């Protein structure tokens, strides 16, 4: 009797687990009512968007500061 083959999880889903873990940490930290799975995924994407905006803002400020220092 053969053992069942493990199911390959696409890289997309592994990354989503990280995003959903961040969303869960955010939800649990602030005591927000537990959302449905669909809403949890939406929150994960929202948090990713906010993190991306922070990174872009930090890069812009860093570039501006380097430009000011060099002149």
Protein backbone atom coordinates (compact mmCIF):
# COMPACT_ATOMS: atom_id res chain seq x y z
CA UNK A 1 0.00 0.00 0.00
CA UNK A 2 1.44 3.34 -1.04
CA UNK A 3 1.32 6.34 1.21
CA UNK A 4 -0.44 9.37 -0.25
CA UNK A 5 1.77 11.94 -1.95
CA UNK A 6 2.04 15.27 -0.15
CA UNK A 7 0.20 18.09 -1.84
CA UNK A 8 2.53 20.75 -3.22
CA UNK A 9 1.61 24.16 -1.88
CA UNK A 10 2.27 26.96 -4.37
CA UNK A 11 4.60 29.74 -3.24
CA UNK A 12 1.65 32.16 -3.42
CA UNK A 13 -0.10 30.34 -0.61
CA UNK A 14 3.02 30.27 1.56
CA UNK A 15 3.30 34.05 1.22
CA UNK A 16 -0.38 34.46 1.98
CA UNK A 17 0.09 32.54 5.22
CA UNK A 18 2.62 35.17 6.29
CA UNK A 19 0.24 37.98 5.37
CA UNK A 20 -2.64 36.28 7.14
CA UNK A 21 -0.46 35.75 10.23
CA UNK A 22 0.29 39.49 10.24
CA UNK A 23 -3.41 40.22 9.88
CA UNK A 24 -4.24 37.84 12.73
CA UNK A 25 -1.59 39.46 14.94
CA UNK A 26 -3.03 42.90 14.16
CA UNK A 27 -6.60 41.75 14.81
CA UNK A 28 -5.69 40.01 18.08
CA UNK A 29 -3.49 42.88 19.31
CA UNK A 30 -6.25 45.44 19.00
CA UNK A 31 -9.02 43.12 20.15
CA UNK A 32 -11.00 43.35 16.92
CA UNK A 33 -13.83 40.87 16.42
CA UNK A 34 -12.59 37.85 14.49
CA UNK A 35 -13.49 38.29 10.81
CA UNK A 36 -14.56 35.69 8.28
CA UNK A 37 -11.89 34.05 6.11
CA UNK A 38 -12.74 36.30 3.17
CA UNK A 39 -12.47 39.43 5.30
CA UNK A 40 -9.24 38.17 6.87
CA UNK A 41 -7.69 37.88 3.38
CA UNK A 42 -8.89 41.39 2.57
CA UNK A 43 -7.30 42.69 5.77
CA UNK A 44 -4.07 40.87 4.89
CA UNK A 45 -3.93 42.62 1.50
CA UNK A 46 -4.73 45.98 3.15
CA UNK A 47 -1.88 45.52 5.63
CA UNK A 48 0.46 44.58 2.78
CA UNK A 49 -0.55 47.76 0.97
CA UNK A 50 0.09 49.85 4.07
CA UNK A 51 3.51 48.24 4.59
CA UNK A 52 4.38 48.91 0.95
CA UNK A 53 3.38 52.57 1.36
CA UNK A 54 5.60 52.87 4.44
CA UNK A 55 8.56 51.38 2.55
CA UNK A 56 7.99 53.76 -0.38
CA UNK A 57 7.68 56.74 1.99
CA UNK A 58 10.89 55.79 3.81
CA UNK A 59 12.73 55.41 0.51
CA UNK A 60 11.47 58.81 -0.66
CA UNK A 61 12.50 60.51 2.58
CA UNK A 62 15.89 58.79 2.49
CA UNK A 63 16.45 59.87 -1.10
CA UNK A 64 15.44 63.43 -0.27
CA UNK A 65 17.77 63.54 2.73
CA UNK A 66 20.69 62.18 0.70
CA UNK A 67 20.00 64.78 -1.97
CA UNK A 68 19.94 67.58 0.61
CA UNK A 69 23.14 66.37 2.27
CA UNK A 70 25.04 66.14 -1.02
CA UNK A 71 24.19 69.72 -2.09
